[in-house]
Amino acid sequence: MLCCSYGSEGCININFRLHEAIDILERTPETLERFLSGLSEAWVQNNEGEGTWNAHEVVEHFIEAEKHNWIPRVESIVMQGEHHLFSAFDRFSHLKEKSKRTLEEALLKFKIIQKNAYSGT
């Protein structure tokens, strides 16, 4: 059982099962591809205003989170136990430089990262 803290709500105990999480996570790249592939630039590059992300930026965030947050944290929990402190994750790192990837390339990159990450589970 893991304890997750959500601000003032305190500690919420959850029964985390890695294989169940992976069942969902493995579907994410194909779901995003289905929703976003072939849409016009107006749809994928538009955001809701200051402080919001467009669809392409969200996919770039998922790539960074997969590489530097989710996978390392799962590995840490498996190797060192659930009470190990995690290093900070900069959830805005994908915004520091404009991606040179197209949305289609970003979707493929995300799919590859996930496939490689979960192929041994």
PDB file of N, CA and C in Angstrom:
ATOM      1  N   MET A   1       0.846  -1.160   0.000  1.00  0.00           N
ATOM      2  CA  MET A   1       0.000   0.000   0.000  1.00  0.00           C
ATOM      3  C   MET A   1       0.901   1.237   0.000  1.00  0.00           C
ATOM      4  N   LEU A   2       0.577   2.210  -0.810  1.00  0.00           N
ATOM      5  CA  LEU A   2       1.328   3.451  -0.883  1.00  0.00           C
ATOM      6  C   LEU A   2       0.527   4.571  -0.252  1.00  0.00           C
ATOM      7  N   CYS A   3       1.236   5.536   0.301  1.00  0.00           N
ATOM      8  CA  CYS A   3       0.591   6.714   0.853  1.00  0.00           C
ATOM      9  C   CYS A   3       0.872   7.886  -0.067  1.00  0.00           C
ATOM     10  N   CYS A   4      -0.161   8.492  -0.590  1.00  0.00           N
ATOM     11  CA  CYS A   4      -0.012   9.646  -1.469  1.00  0.00           C
ATOM     12  C   CYS A   4      -0.565  10.860  -0.746  1.00  0.00           C
ATOM     13  N   SER A   5       0.178  11.953  -0.766  1.00  0.00           N
ATOM     14  CA  SER A   5      -0.277  13.161  -0.110  1.00  0.00           C
ATOM     15  C   SER A   5      -0.786  14.148  -1.144  1.00  0.00           C
ATOM     16  N   TYR A   6      -1.965  14.688  -0.945  1.00  0.00           N
ATOM     17  CA  TYR A   6      -2.572  15.653  -1.851  1.00  0.00           C
ATOM     18  C   TYR A   6      -2.926  16.918  -1.090  1.00  0.00           C
ATOM     19  N   GLY A   7      -1.907  17.719  -0.775  1.00  0.00           N
ATOM     20  CA  GLY A   7      -2.146  18.998  -0.126  1.00  0.00           C
ATOM     21  C   GLY A   7      -2.816  18.850   1.221  1.00  0.00           C
ATOM     22  N   SER A   8      -3.857  19.590   1.449  1.00  0.00           N
ATOM     23  CA  SER A   8      -4.524  19.615   2.749  1.00  0.00           C
ATOM     24  C   SER A   8      -5.330  18.343   3.024  1.00  0.00           C
ATOM     25  N   GLU A   9      -5.513  17.514   2.015  1.00  0.00           N
ATOM     26  CA  GLU A   9      -6.275  16.280   2.220  1.00  0.00           C
ATOM     27  C   GLU A   9      -5.502  15.251   3.034  1.00  0.00           C
ATOM     28  N   GLY A  10      -4.202  15.453   3.173  1.00  0.00           N
ATOM     29  CA  GLY A  10      -3.395  14.531   3.955  1.00  0.00           C
ATOM     30  C   GLY A  10      -3.029  13.284   3.183  1.00  0.00           C
ATOM     31  N   CYS A  11      -2.907  12.216   3.904  1.00  0.00           N
ATOM     32  CA  CYS A  11      -2.428  10.954   3.326  1.00  0.00           C
ATOM     33  C   CYS A  11      -3.605  10.089   2.889  1.00  0.00           C
ATOM     34  N   ILE A  12      -3.549   9.665   1.668  1.00  0.00           N
ATOM     35  CA  ILE A  12      -4.567   8.760   1.136  1.00  0.00           C
ATOM     36  C   ILE A  12      -3.868   7.452   0.803  1.00  0.00           C
ATOM     37  N   ASN A  13      -4.294   6.375   1.402  1.00  0.00           N
ATOM     38  CA  ASN A  13      -3.696   5.080   1.122  1.00  0.00           C
ATOM     39  C   ASN A  13      -4.313   4.485  -0.130  1.00  0.00           C
ATOM     40  N   ILE A  14      -3.450   3.986  -0.997  1.00  0.00           N
ATOM     41  CA  ILE A  14      -3.924   3.349  -2.213  1.00  0.00           C
ATOM     42  C   ILE A  14      -3.257   1.993  -2.347  1.00  0.00           C
ATOM     43  N   ASN A  15      -3.951   1.078  -2.935  1.00  0.00           N
ATOM     44  CA  ASN A  15      -3.375  -0.217  -3.252  1.00  0.00           C
ATOM     45  C   ASN A  15      -2.801  -0.144  -4.654  1.00  0.00           C
ATOM     46  N   PHE A  16      -1.508   0.080  -4.740  1.00  0.00           N
ATOM     47  CA  PHE A  16      -0.848   0.241  -6.029  1.00  0.00           C
ATOM     48  C   PHE A  16      -0.364  -1.104  -6.513  1.00  0.00           C
ATOM     49  N   ARG A  17      -0.746  -1.427  -7.724  1.00  0.00           N
ATOM     50  CA  ARG A  17      -0.288  -2.657  -8.367  1.00  0.00           C
ATOM     51  C   ARG A  17       0.346  -2.260  -9.694  1.00  0.00           C
ATOM     52  N   LEU A  18       1.648  -2.466  -9.782  1.00  0.00           N
ATOM     53  CA  LEU A  18       2.400  -2.019 -10.947  1.00  0.00           C
ATOM     54  C   LEU A  18       1.812  -2.559 -12.246  1.00  0.00           C
ATOM     55  N   HIS A  19       1.467  -3.827 -12.294  1.00  0.00           N
ATOM     56  CA  HIS A  19       0.941  -4.402 -13.539  1.00  0.00           C
ATOM     57  C   HIS A  19      -0.365  -3.738 -13.966  1.00  0.00           C
ATOM     58  N   GLU A  20      -1.197  -3.311 -12.993  1.00  0.00           N
ATOM     59  CA  GLU A  20      -2.431  -2.613 -13.336  1.00  0.00           C
ATOM     60  C   GLU A  20      -2.142  -1.213 -13.872  1.00  0.00           C
ATOM     61  N   ALA A  21      -1.169  -0.537 -13.283  1.00  0.00           N
ATOM     62  CA  ALA A  21      -0.784   0.789 -13.776  1.00  0.00           C
ATOM     63  C   ALA A  21      -0.231   0.679 -15.199  1.00  0.00           C
ATOM     64  N   ILE A  22       0.563  -0.321 -15.434  1.00  0.00           N
ATOM     65  CA  ILE A  22       1.149  -0.504 -16.765  1.00  0.00           C
ATOM     66  C   ILE A  22       0.074  -0.830 -17.793  1.00  0.00           C
ATOM     67  N   ASP A  23      -0.952  -1.574 -17.404  1.00  0.00           N
ATOM     68  CA  ASP A  23      -2.066  -1.851 -18.324  1.00  0.00           C
ATOM     69  C   ASP A  23      -2.651  -0.554 -18.869  1.00  0.00           C
ATOM     70  N   ILE A  24      -2.790   0.442 -18.021  1.00  0.00           N
ATOM     71  CA  ILE A  24      -3.334   1.742 -18.441  1.00  0.00           C
ATOM     72  C   ILE A  24      -2.285   2.532 -19.213  1.00  0.00           C
ATOM     73  N   LEU A  25      -1.093   2.612 -18.654  1.00  0.00           N
ATOM     74  CA  LEU A  25      -0.041   3.435 -19.265  1.00  0.00           C
ATOM     75  C   LEU A  25       0.331   2.972 -20.670  1.00  0.00           C
ATOM     76  N   GLU A  26       0.325   1.673 -20.885  1.00  0.00           N
ATOM     77  CA  GLU A  26       0.657   1.158 -22.220  1.00  0.00           C
ATOM     78  C   GLU A  26      -0.345   1.613 -23.276  1.00  0.00           C
ATOM     79  N   ARG A  27      -1.539   1.930 -22.885  1.00  0.00           N
ATOM     80  CA  ARG A  27      -2.570   2.374 -23.834  1.00  0.00           C
ATOM     81  C   ARG A  27      -2.466   3.863 -24.177  1.00  0.00           C
ATOM     82  N   THR A  28      -1.759   4.617 -23.360  1.00  0.00           N
ATOM     83  CA  THR A  28      -1.703   6.064 -23.518  1.00  0.00           C
ATOM     84  C   THR A  28      -1.175   6.510 -24.875  1.00  0.00           C
ATOM     85  N   PRO A  29      -0.033   5.994 -25.359  1.00  0.00           N
ATOM     86  CA  PRO A  29       0.460   6.473 -26.660  1.00  0.00           C
ATOM     87  C   PRO A  29      -0.530   6.252 -27.804  1.00  0.00           C
ATOM     88  N   GLU A  30      -1.135   5.089 -27.864  1.00  0.00           N
ATOM     89  CA  GLU A  30      -2.093   4.809 -28.934  1.00  0.00           C
ATOM     90  C   GLU A  30      -3.347   5.670 -28.799  1.00  0.00           C
ATOM     91  N   THR A  31      -3.768   5.920 -27.574  1.00  0.00           N
ATOM     92  CA  THR A  31      -4.941   6.775 -27.354  1.00  0.00           C
ATOM     93  C   THR A  31      -4.649   8.197 -27.828  1.00  0.00           C
ATOM     94  N   LEU A  32      -3.496   8.725 -27.443  1.00  0.00           N
ATOM     95  CA  LEU A  32      -3.115  10.067 -27.884  1.00  0.00           C
ATOM     96  C   LEU A  32      -2.974  10.136 -29.397  1.00  0.00           C
ATOM     97  N   GLU A  33      -2.360   9.115 -29.968  1.00  0.00           N
ATOM     98  CA  GLU A  33      -2.195   9.077 -31.424  1.00  0.00           C
ATOM     99  C   GLU A  33      -3.558   9.092 -32.118  1.00  0.00           C
ATOM    100  N   ARG A  34      -4.473   8.329 -31.600  1.00  0.00           N
ATOM    101  CA  ARG A  34      -5.823   8.261 -32.173  1.00  0.00           C
ATOM    102  C   ARG A  34      -6.538   9.616 -32.090  1.00  0.00           C
ATOM    103  N   PHE A  35      -6.401  10.283 -30.957  1.00  0.00           N
ATOM    104  CA  PHE A  35      -7.044  11.584 -30.767  1.00  0.00           C
ATOM    105  C   PHE A  35      -6.390  12.702 -31.574  1.00  0.00           C
ATOM    106  N   LEU A  36      -5.054  12.679 -31.707  1.00  0.00           N
ATOM    107  CA  LEU A  36      -4.336  13.846 -32.211  1.00  0.00           C
ATOM    108  C   LEU A  36      -3.798  13.741 -33.631  1.00  0.00           C
ATOM    109  N   SER A  37      -3.500  12.549 -34.107  1.00  0.00           N
ATOM    110  CA  SER A  37      -2.908  12.411 -35.443  1.00  0.00           C
ATOM    111  C   SER A  37      -3.840  12.936 -36.519  1.00  0.00           C
ATOM    112  N   GLY A  38      -3.262  13.707 -37.418  1.00  0.00           N
ATOM    113  CA  GLY A  38      -4.013  14.205 -38.556  1.00  0.00           C
ATOM    114  C   GLY A  38      -4.809  15.472 -38.303  1.00  0.00           C
ATOM    115  N   LEU A  39      -4.803  15.963 -37.064  1.00  0.00           N
ATOM    116  CA  LEU A  39      -5.518  17.209 -36.791  1.00  0.00           C
ATOM    117  C   LEU A  39      -4.727  18.395 -37.331  1.00  0.00           C
ATOM    118  N   SER A  40      -5.408  19.470 -37.595  1.00  0.00           N
ATOM    119  CA  SER A  40      -4.756  20.669 -38.118  1.00  0.00           C
ATOM    120  C   SER A  40      -3.866  21.296 -37.045  1.00  0.00           C
ATOM    121  N   GLU A  41      -2.911  22.105 -37.487  1.00  0.00           N
ATOM    122  CA  GLU A  41      -2.037  22.830 -36.569  1.00  0.00           C
ATOM    123  C   GLU A  41      -2.851  23.714 -35.624  1.00  0.00           C
ATOM    124  N   ALA A  42      -3.951  24.251 -36.122  1.00  0.00           N
ATOM    125  CA  ALA A  42      -4.790  25.098 -35.283  1.00  0.00           C
ATOM    126  C   ALA A  42      -5.282  24.341 -34.045  1.00  0.00           C
ATOM    127  N   TRP A  43      -5.571  23.064 -34.196  1.00  0.00           N
ATOM    128  CA  TRP A  43      -6.026  22.264 -33.061  1.00  0.00           C
ATOM    129  C   TRP A  43      -4.883  21.897 -32.131  1.00  0.00           C
ATOM    130  N   VAL A  44      -3.764  21.464 -32.666  1.00  0.00           N
ATOM    131  CA  VAL A  44      -2.699  20.917 -31.818  1.00  0.00           C
ATOM    132  C   VAL A  44      -1.742  21.971 -31.277  1.00  0.00           C
ATOM    133  N   GLN A  45      -1.741  23.164 -31.858  1.00  0.00           N
ATOM    134  CA  GLN A  45      -0.840  24.221 -31.381  1.00  0.00           C
ATOM    135  C   GLN A  45      -1.570  25.289 -30.567  1.00  0.00           C
ATOM    136  N   ASN A  46      -2.873  25.200 -30.464  1.00  0.00           N
ATOM    137  CA  ASN A  46      -3.656  26.186 -29.731  1.00  0.00           C
ATOM    138  C   ASN A  46      -3.736  25.795 -28.255  1.00  0.00           C
ATOM    139  N   ASN A  47      -3.718  26.811 -27.374  1.00  0.00           N
ATOM    140  CA  ASN A  47      -3.901  26.536 -25.955  1.00  0.00           C
ATOM    141  C   ASN A  47      -5.086  27.345 -25.433  1.00  0.00           C
ATOM    142  N   GLU A  48      -5.342  27.227 -24.157  1.00  0.00           N
ATOM    143  CA  GLU A  48      -6.503  27.886 -23.548  1.00  0.00           C
ATOM    144  C   GLU A  48      -6.147  29.251 -22.964  1.00  0.00           C
ATOM    145  N   GLY A  49      -4.927  29.726 -23.183  1.00  0.00           N
ATOM    146  CA  GLY A  49      -4.496  31.020 -22.650  1.00  0.00           C
ATOM    147  C   GLY A  49      -3.212  30.896 -21.857  1.00  0.00           C
ATOM    148  N   GLU A  50      -2.792  31.993 -21.268  1.00  0.00           N
ATOM    149  CA  GLU A  50      -1.535  32.041 -20.527  1.00  0.00           C
ATOM    150  C   GLU A  50      -1.506  30.974 -19.432  1.00  0.00           C
ATOM    151  N   GLY A  51      -0.383  30.294 -19.355  1.00  0.00           N
ATOM    152  CA  GLY A  51      -0.218  29.270 -18.330  1.00  0.00           C
ATOM    153  C   GLY A  51      -0.797  27.917 -18.700  1.00  0.00           C
ATOM    154  N   THR A  52      -1.307  27.765 -19.916  1.00  0.00           N
ATOM    155  CA  THR A  52      -1.854  26.476 -20.361  1.00  0.00           C
ATOM    156  C   THR A  52      -0.981  25.916 -21.475  1.00  0.00           C
ATOM    157  N   TRP A  53      -1.121  24.653 -21.740  1.00  0.00           N
ATOM    158  CA  TRP A  53      -0.318  23.976 -22.754  1.00  0.00           C
ATOM    159  C   TRP A  53      -1.200  23.547 -23.907  1.00  0.00           C
ATOM    160  N   ASN A  54      -0.609  23.535 -25.097  1.00  0.00           N
ATOM    161  CA  ASN A  54      -1.311  22.978 -26.247  1.00  0.00           C
ATOM    162  C   ASN A  54      -1.066  21.467 -26.290  1.00  0.00           C
ATOM    163  N   ALA A  55      -1.719  20.788 -27.194  1.00  0.00           N
ATOM    164  CA  ALA A  55      -1.618  19.325 -27.264  1.00  0.00           C
ATOM    165  C   ALA A  55      -0.188  18.861 -27.505  1.00  0.00           C
ATOM    166  N   HIS A  56       0.539  19.550 -28.377  1.00  0.00           N
ATOM    167  CA  HIS A  56       1.924  19.178 -28.664  1.00  0.00           C
ATOM    168  C   HIS A  56       2.775  19.316 -27.400  1.00  0.00           C
ATOM    169  N   GLU A  57       2.585  20.378 -26.647  1.00  0.00           N
ATOM    170  CA  GLU A  57       3.338  20.570 -25.410  1.00  0.00           C
ATOM    171  C   GLU A  57       2.998  19.499 -24.368  1.00  0.00           C
ATOM    172  N   VAL A  58       1.761  19.067 -24.340  1.00  0.00           N
ATOM    173  CA  VAL A  58       1.373  18.005 -23.411  1.00  0.00           C
ATOM    174  C   VAL A  58       2.109  16.706 -23.758  1.00  0.00           C
ATOM    175  N   VAL A  59       2.185  16.374 -25.036  1.00  0.00           N
ATOM    176  CA  VAL A  59       2.903  15.160 -25.444  1.00  0.00           C
ATOM    177  C   VAL A  59       4.384  15.290 -25.100  1.00  0.00           C
ATOM    178  N   GLU A  60       4.975  16.459 -25.319  1.00  0.00           N
ATOM    179  CA  GLU A  60       6.380  16.671 -24.954  1.00  0.00           C
ATOM    180  C   GLU A  60       6.564  16.530 -23.439  1.00  0.00           C
ATOM    181  N   HIS A  61       5.601  17.006 -22.671  1.00  0.00           N
ATOM    182  CA  HIS A  61       5.649  16.840 -21.215  1.00  0.00           C
ATOM    183  C   HIS A  61       5.611  15.354 -20.856  1.00  0.00           C
ATOM    184  N   PHE A  62       4.743  14.590 -21.504  1.00  0.00           N
ATOM    185  CA  PHE A  62       4.667  13.156 -21.237  1.00  0.00           C
ATOM    186  C   PHE A  62       6.001  12.472 -21.525  1.00  0.00           C
ATOM    187  N   ILE A  63       6.678  12.875 -22.591  1.00  0.00           N
ATOM    188  CA  ILE A  63       7.982  12.301 -22.935  1.00  0.00           C
ATOM    189  C   ILE A  63       8.969  12.564 -21.796  1.00  0.00           C
ATOM    190  N   GLU A  64       9.056  13.819 -21.361  1.00  0.00           N
ATOM    191  CA  GLU A  64       9.982  14.172 -20.281  1.00  0.00           C
ATOM    192  C   GLU A  64       9.611  13.461 -18.977  1.00  0.00           C
ATOM    193  N   ALA A  65       8.324  13.407 -18.676  1.00  0.00           N
ATOM    194  CA  ALA A  65       7.875  12.753 -17.447  1.00  0.00           C
ATOM    195  C   ALA A  65       8.181  11.264 -17.482  1.00  0.00           C
ATOM    196  N   GLU A  66       8.012  10.661 -18.621  1.00  0.00           N
ATOM    197  CA  GLU A  66       8.294   9.227 -18.744  1.00  0.00           C
ATOM    198  C   GLU A  66       9.776   8.961 -18.515  1.00  0.00           C
ATOM    199  N   LYS A  67      10.621   9.792 -19.123  1.00  0.00           N
ATOM    200  CA  LYS A  67      12.074   9.594 -19.020  1.00  0.00           C
ATOM    201  C   LYS A  67      12.626   9.958 -17.645  1.00  0.00           C
ATOM    202  N   HIS A  68      12.131  11.022 -17.040  1.00  0.00           N
ATOM    203  CA  HIS A  68      12.781  11.569 -15.851  1.00  0.00           C
ATOM    204  C   HIS A  68      11.947  11.490 -14.579  1.00  0.00           C
ATOM    205  N   ASN A  69      10.730  11.008 -14.663  1.00  0.00           N
ATOM    206  CA  ASN A  69       9.875  10.993 -13.489  1.00  0.00           C
ATOM    207  C   ASN A  69       9.275   9.608 -13.251  1.00  0.00           C
ATOM    208  N   TRP A  70       8.365   9.210 -14.113  1.00  0.00           N
ATOM    209  CA  TRP A  70       7.606   7.982 -13.873  1.00  0.00           C
ATOM    210  C   TRP A  70       8.499   6.746 -13.803  1.00  0.00           C
ATOM    211  N   ILE A  71       9.283   6.495 -14.829  1.00  0.00           N
ATOM    212  CA  ILE A  71      10.106   5.286 -14.854  1.00  0.00           C
ATOM    213  C   ILE A  71      11.128   5.278 -13.708  1.00  0.00           C
ATOM    214  N   PRO A  72      11.893   6.361 -13.516  1.00  0.00           N
ATOM    215  CA  PRO A  72      12.838   6.351 -12.387  1.00  0.00           C
ATOM    216  C   PRO A  72      12.164   6.165 -11.029  1.00  0.00           C
ATOM    217  N   ARG A  73      10.987   6.737 -10.854  1.00  0.00           N
ATOM    218  CA  ARG A  73      10.305   6.586  -9.565  1.00  0.00           C
ATOM    219  C   ARG A  73       9.814   5.164  -9.357  1.00  0.00           C
ATOM    220  N   VAL A  74       9.281   4.546 -10.368  1.00  0.00           N
ATOM    221  CA  VAL A  74       8.850   3.155 -10.240  1.00  0.00           C
ATOM    222  C   VAL A  74      10.052   2.275  -9.936  1.00  0.00           C
ATOM    223  N   GLU A  75      11.148   2.486 -10.657  1.00  0.00           N
ATOM    224  CA  GLU A  75      12.365   1.708 -10.409  1.00  0.00           C
ATOM    225  C   GLU A  75      12.851   1.916  -8.980  1.00  0.00           C
ATOM    226  N   SER A  76      12.780   3.140  -8.485  1.00  0.00           N
ATOM    227  CA  SER A  76      13.198   3.447  -7.123  1.00  0.00           C
ATOM    228  C   SER A  76      12.330   2.719  -6.102  1.00  0.00           C
ATOM    229  N   ILE A  77      11.025   2.718  -6.323  1.00  0.00           N
ATOM    230  CA  ILE A  77      10.109   2.025  -5.404  1.00  0.00           C
ATOM    231  C   ILE A  77      10.407   0.531  -5.389  1.00  0.00           C
ATOM    232  N   VAL A  78      10.621  -0.037  -6.566  1.00  0.00           N
ATOM    233  CA  VAL A  78      10.890  -1.471  -6.656  1.00  0.00           C
ATOM    234  C   VAL A  78      12.216  -1.816  -5.978  1.00  0.00           C
ATOM    235  N   MET A  79      13.243  -0.981  -6.207  1.00  0.00           N
ATOM    236  CA  MET A  79      14.580  -1.283  -5.697  1.00  0.00           C
ATOM    237  C   MET A  79      14.776  -0.861  -4.233  1.00  0.00           C
ATOM    238  N   GLN A  80      14.194   0.283  -3.832  1.00  0.00           N
ATOM    239  CA  GLN A  80      14.519   0.840  -2.518  1.00  0.00           C
ATOM    240  C   GLN A  80      13.332   0.925  -1.574  1.00  0.00           C
ATOM    241  N   GLY A  81      12.177   0.559  -2.025  1.00  0.00           N
ATOM    242  CA  GLY A  81      10.993   0.612  -1.170  1.00  0.00           C
ATOM    243  C   GLY A  81      10.225   1.908  -1.351  1.00  0.00           C
ATOM    244  N   GLU A  82       8.989   1.895  -0.903  1.00  0.00           N
ATOM    245  CA  GLU A  82       8.084   3.011  -1.157  1.00  0.00           C
ATOM    246  C   GLU A  82       8.368   4.248  -0.323  1.00  0.00           C
ATOM    247  N   HIS A  83       9.204   4.174   0.691  1.00  0.00           N
ATOM    248  CA  HIS A  83       9.460   5.332   1.544  1.00  0.00           C
ATOM    249  C   HIS A  83      10.697   6.120   1.124  1.00  0.00           C
ATOM    250  N   HIS A  84      11.300   5.729   0.038  1.00  0.00           N
ATOM    251  CA  HIS A  84      12.475   6.439  -0.489  1.00  0.00           C
ATOM    252  C   HIS A  84      12.062   7.815  -1.019  1.00  0.00           C
ATOM    253  N   LEU A  85      12.851   8.842  -0.715  1.00  0.00           N
ATOM    254  CA  LEU A  85      12.558  10.185  -1.207  1.00  0.00           C
ATOM    255  C   LEU A  85      12.985  10.316  -2.661  1.00  0.00           C
ATOM    256  N   PHE A  86      12.152  10.939  -3.455  1.00  0.00           N
ATOM    257  CA  PHE A  86      12.429  11.129  -4.874  1.00  0.00           C
ATOM    258  C   PHE A  86      13.091  12.475  -5.108  1.00  0.00           C
ATOM    259  N   SER A  87      13.913  12.529  -6.134  1.00  0.00           N
ATOM    260  CA  SER A  87      14.457  13.828  -6.530  1.00  0.00           C
ATOM    261  C   SER A  87      13.345  14.613  -7.234  1.00  0.00           C
ATOM    262  N   ALA A  88      13.489  15.913  -7.224  1.00  0.00           N
ATOM    263  CA  ALA A  88      12.460  16.784  -7.816  1.00  0.00           C
ATOM    264  C   ALA A  88      12.375  16.573  -9.324  1.00  0.00           C
ATOM    265  N   PHE A  89      11.187  16.717  -9.840  1.00  0.00           N
ATOM    266  CA  PHE A  89      10.950  16.626 -11.278  1.00  0.00           C
ATOM    267  C   PHE A  89      10.461  17.974 -11.770  1.00  0.00           C
ATOM    268  N   ASP A  90      11.159  18.523 -12.749  1.00  0.00           N
ATOM    269  CA  ASP A  90      10.762  19.809 -13.321  1.00  0.00           C
ATOM    270  C   ASP A  90       9.686  19.549 -14.368  1.00  0.00           C
ATOM    271  N   ARG A  91       8.445  19.736 -13.985  1.00  0.00           N
ATOM    272  CA  ARG A  91       7.354  19.422 -14.912  1.00  0.00           C
ATOM    273  C   ARG A  91       7.179  20.457 -16.015  1.00  0.00           C
ATOM    274  N   PHE A  92       8.001  21.494 -16.002  1.00  0.00           N
ATOM    275  CA  PHE A  92       7.972  22.507 -17.053  1.00  0.00           C
ATOM    276  C   PHE A  92       9.201  22.447 -17.952  1.00  0.00           C
ATOM    277  N   SER A  93      10.053  21.444 -17.772  1.00  0.00           N
ATOM    278  CA  SER A  93      11.315  21.370 -18.530  1.00  0.00           C
ATOM    279  C   SER A  93      11.103  21.328 -20.036  1.00  0.00           C
ATOM    280  N   HIS A  94      10.015  20.757 -20.477  1.00  0.00           N
ATOM    281  CA  HIS A  94       9.740  20.662 -21.917  1.00  0.00           C
ATOM    282  C   HIS A  94       9.450  22.029 -22.539  1.00  0.00           C
ATOM    283  N   LEU A  95       9.211  23.035 -21.720  1.00  0.00           N
ATOM    284  CA  LEU A  95       8.888  24.369 -22.224  1.00  0.00           C
ATOM    285  C   LEU A  95      10.125  25.269 -22.341  1.00  0.00           C
ATOM    286  N   LYS A  96      11.262  24.810 -21.816  1.00  0.00           N
ATOM    287  CA  LYS A  96      12.462  25.645 -21.816  1.00  0.00           C
ATOM    288  C   LYS A  96      13.012  25.883 -23.217  1.00  0.00           C
ATOM    289  N   GLU A  97      12.871  24.904 -24.066  1.00  0.00           N
ATOM    290  CA  GLU A  97      13.256  25.042 -25.472  1.00  0.00           C
ATOM    291  C   GLU A  97      12.119  24.516 -26.322  1.00  0.00           C
ATOM    292  N   LYS A  98      11.794  25.229 -27.371  1.00  0.00           N
ATOM    293  CA  LYS A  98      10.731  24.776 -28.268  1.00  0.00           C
ATOM    294  C   LYS A  98      11.177  23.493 -28.967  1.00  0.00           C
ATOM    295  N   SER A  99      10.359  22.493 -28.924  1.00  0.00           N
ATOM    296  CA  SER A  99      10.688  21.221 -29.545  1.00  0.00           C
ATOM    297  C   SER A  99      10.800  21.377 -31.059  1.00  0.00           C
ATOM    298  N   LYS A 100      11.776  20.705 -31.612  1.00  0.00           N
ATOM    299  CA  LYS A 100      11.947  20.703 -33.066  1.00  0.00           C
ATOM    300  C   LYS A 100      11.171  19.547 -33.707  1.00  0.00           C
ATOM    301  N   ARG A 101      10.595  18.698 -32.852  1.00  0.00           N
ATOM    302  CA  ARG A 101       9.812  17.562 -33.345  1.00  0.00           C
ATOM    303  C   ARG A 101       8.434  18.032 -33.777  1.00  0.00           C
ATOM    304  N   THR A 102       7.920  17.391 -34.802  1.00  0.00           N
ATOM    305  CA  THR A 102       6.515  17.578 -35.137  1.00  0.00           C
ATOM    306  C   THR A 102       5.685  16.820 -34.104  1.00  0.00           C
ATOM    307  N   LEU A 103       4.406  17.060 -34.079  1.00  0.00           N
ATOM    308  CA  LEU A 103       3.551  16.311 -33.165  1.00  0.00           C
ATOM    309  C   LEU A 103       3.618  14.823 -33.481  1.00  0.00           C
ATOM    310  N   GLU A 104       3.610  14.484 -34.760  1.00  0.00           N
ATOM    311  CA  GLU A 104       3.677  13.066 -35.146  1.00  0.00           C
ATOM    312  C   GLU A 104       4.972  12.422 -34.640  1.00  0.00           C
ATOM    313  N   GLU A 105       6.084  13.152 -34.739  1.00  0.00           N
ATOM    314  CA  GLU A 105       7.365  12.633 -34.250  1.00  0.00           C
ATOM    315  C   GLU A 105       7.347  12.496 -32.729  1.00  0.00           C
ATOM    316  N   ALA A 106       6.733  13.455 -32.040  1.00  0.00           N
ATOM    317  CA  ALA A 106       6.636  13.383 -30.583  1.00  0.00           C
ATOM    318  C   ALA A 106       5.784  12.195 -30.149  1.00  0.00           C
ATOM    319  N   LEU A 107       4.688  11.954 -30.833  1.00  0.00           N
ATOM    320  CA  LEU A 107       3.842  10.801 -30.518  1.00  0.00           C
ATOM    321  C   LEU A 107       4.612   9.493 -30.704  1.00  0.00           C
ATOM    322  N   LEU A 108       5.380   9.404 -31.779  1.00  0.00           N
ATOM    323  CA  LEU A 108       6.191   8.202 -32.023  1.00  0.00           C
ATOM    324  C   LEU A 108       7.254   8.046 -30.942  1.00  0.00           C
ATOM    325  N   LYS A 109       7.928   9.125 -30.577  1.00  0.00           N
ATOM    326  CA  LYS A 109       8.952   9.088 -29.522  1.00  0.00           C
ATOM    327  C   LYS A 109       8.337   8.600 -28.216  1.00  0.00           C
ATOM    328  N   PHE A 110       7.180   9.121 -27.854  1.00  0.00           N
ATOM    329  CA  PHE A 110       6.501   8.705 -26.631  1.00  0.00           C
ATOM    330  C   PHE A 110       6.164   7.217 -26.679  1.00  0.00           C
ATOM    331  N   LYS A 111       5.680   6.764 -27.808  1.00  0.00           N
ATOM    332  CA  LYS A 111       5.335   5.351 -27.972  1.00  0.00           C
ATOM    333  C   LYS A 111       6.573   4.455 -27.805  1.00  0.00           C
ATOM    334  N   ILE A 112       7.694   4.872 -28.384  1.00  0.00           N
ATOM    335  CA  ILE A 112       8.935   4.093 -28.302  1.00  0.00           C
ATOM    336  C   ILE A 112       9.458   4.051 -26.867  1.00  0.00           C
ATOM    337  N   ILE A 113       9.457   5.200 -26.206  1.00  0.00           N
ATOM    338  CA  ILE A 113       9.929   5.259 -24.818  1.00  0.00           C
ATOM    339  C   ILE A 113       9.101   4.321 -23.948  1.00  0.00           C
ATOM    340  N   GLN A 114       7.812   4.363 -24.104  1.00  0.00           N
ATOM    341  CA  GLN A 114       6.950   3.505 -23.301  1.00  0.00           C
ATOM    342  C   GLN A 114       7.153   2.034 -23.641  1.00  0.00           C
ATOM    343  N   LYS A 115       7.253   1.725 -24.895  1.00  0.00           N
ATOM    344  CA  LYS A 115       7.443   0.326 -25.289  1.00  0.00           C
ATOM    345  C   LYS A 115       8.721  -0.229 -24.687  1.00  0.00           C
ATOM    346  N   ASN A 116       9.797   0.550 -24.755  1.00  0.00           N
ATOM    347  CA  ASN A 116      11.070   0.121 -24.185  1.00  0.00           C
ATOM    348  C   ASN A 116      11.007   0.021 -22.669  1.00  0.00           C
ATOM    349  N   ALA A 117      10.315   0.939 -22.052  1.00  0.00           N
ATOM    350  CA  ALA A 117      10.241   0.967 -20.590  1.00  0.00           C
ATOM    351  C   ALA A 117       9.473  -0.211 -20.030  1.00  0.00           C
ATOM    352  N   TYR A 118       8.402  -0.605 -20.683  1.00  0.00           N
ATOM    353  CA  TYR A 118       7.527  -1.623 -20.127  1.00  0.00           C
ATOM    354  C   TYR A 118       7.689  -2.999 -20.759  1.00  0.00           C
ATOM    355  N   SER A 119       8.622  -3.144 -21.681  1.00  0.00           N
ATOM    356  CA  SER A 119       8.774  -4.423 -22.376  1.00  0.00           C
ATOM    357  C   SER A 119       9.255  -5.541 -21.464  1.00  0.00           C
ATOM    358  N   GLY A 120       9.940  -5.190 -20.384  1.00  0.00           N
ATOM    359  CA  GLY A 120      10.442  -6.220 -19.485  1.00  0.00           C
ATOM    360  C   GLY A 120       9.558  -6.509 -18.300  1.00  0.00           C
ATOM    361  N   THR A 121       8.383  -5.871 -18.258  1.00  0.00           N
ATOM    362  CA  THR A 121       7.521  -6.072 -17.084  1.00  0.00           C
ATOM    363  C   THR A 121       6.511  -7.167 -17.312  1.00  0.00           C
TER     364      THR A 121
END
